[in-house]
Protein backbone atom coordinates (compact mmCIF):
# COMPACT_ATOMS: atom_id res chain seq x y z
CA ASP A 1 0.00 0.00 0.00
CA GLU A 2 1.50 3.34 -1.07
CA SER A 3 -0.82 5.54 1.02
CA ILE A 4 0.80 7.93 3.49
CA ALA A 5 -0.35 7.27 7.08
CA ALA A 6 1.66 10.11 8.67
CA GLN A 7 3.81 12.90 7.29
CA ALA A 8 6.11 15.61 8.61
CA ASP A 9 7.73 18.18 6.33
CA ALA A 10 10.94 19.92 7.37
CA PHE A 11 13.84 21.78 5.83
CA PRO A 12 17.23 20.09 6.31
CA ALA A 13 18.95 21.22 9.53
CA ILE A 14 22.08 21.77 7.42
CA PRO A 15 21.42 23.32 3.98
CA THR A 16 22.11 20.87 1.15
CA SER A 17 24.55 23.40 -0.32
CA GLN A 18 26.82 22.62 2.67
CA TRP A 19 26.71 18.83 2.28
CA PHE A 20 29.76 16.91 1.05
CA ALA A 21 29.85 13.81 -1.16
CA ASP A 22 29.71 10.59 0.88
CA GLU A 23 28.83 12.53 4.05
CA ALA A 24 26.18 11.05 6.35
CA VAL A 25 23.63 13.68 7.36
CA SER A 26 20.99 12.93 10.00
CA GLN A 27 18.04 14.80 11.42
CA ILE A 28 15.35 13.85 13.92
CA VAL A 29 11.80 14.31 12.64
CA THR A 30 8.75 13.57 14.80
CA LEU A 31 5.76 11.99 13.07
CA PRO A 32 2.21 12.51 14.34
CA LEU A 33 0.82 8.98 14.86
CA GLU A 34 -2.67 9.77 16.19
CA GLY A 35 -5.16 7.97 13.99
CA VAL A 36 -2.53 5.80 12.30
CA PRO A 37 -3.78 2.19 12.24
CA ALA A 38 -1.80 -0.47 14.11
CA GLY A 39 0.49 -2.54 11.93
CA THR A 40 3.72 -2.36 10.00
CA HIS A 41 4.31 0.81 8.00
CA ASN A 42 7.11 1.84 5.64
CA ILE A 43 9.30 4.79 6.64
CA GLY A 44 10.34 6.86 3.66
CA VAL A 45 11.77 10.21 2.69
CA GLY A 46 11.15 12.44 -0.27
CA TRP A 47 12.63 15.64 -1.59
CA TYR A 48 10.76 18.69 -2.88
CA ASN A 49 11.70 21.82 -4.76
CA PRO A 50 11.19 24.54 -2.09
CA ALA A 51 10.25 27.15 -4.71
CA THR A 52 7.55 25.09 -6.46
CA GLY A 53 6.64 22.30 -4.04
CA ASP A 54 7.19 19.77 -6.84
CA ARG A 55 8.51 16.34 -5.80
CA LEU A 56 12.09 15.62 -6.89
CA GLY A 57 12.18 11.97 -7.92
CA GLU A 58 10.54 9.06 -6.14
CA ARG A 59 10.09 8.55 -2.42
CA LEU A 60 12.89 6.44 -0.89
CA ILE A 61 11.79 3.71 1.54
CA LEU A 62 14.32 3.54 4.40
CA ASN A 63 12.88 0.98 6.80
CA GLN A 64 9.69 -0.22 8.46
CA ALA A 65 8.12 0.55 11.83
CA LEU A 66 5.55 -1.35 13.85
CA VAL A 67 2.77 0.87 15.22
CA VAL A 68 1.00 -0.63 18.25
CA PRO A 69 -2.12 0.67 20.02
CA LYS A 70 -1.56 2.83 23.09
CA ARG A 71 -2.55 1.05 26.33
């Protein structure tokens, strides 16, 4: 299923113009999970043109996460 259950948009903490080839860049992003059904969901990232909002290429699936109901 390619539907998006939760989404958080953010600018990179370090501008991409300051990235170096083969450098690992990380950033913590919090996803709102209220209303997300329990189960396994893909975690992915996507890039957008900030001037137009157009998607740059395809979404990249990084991993999966198991969402469990709150008790």
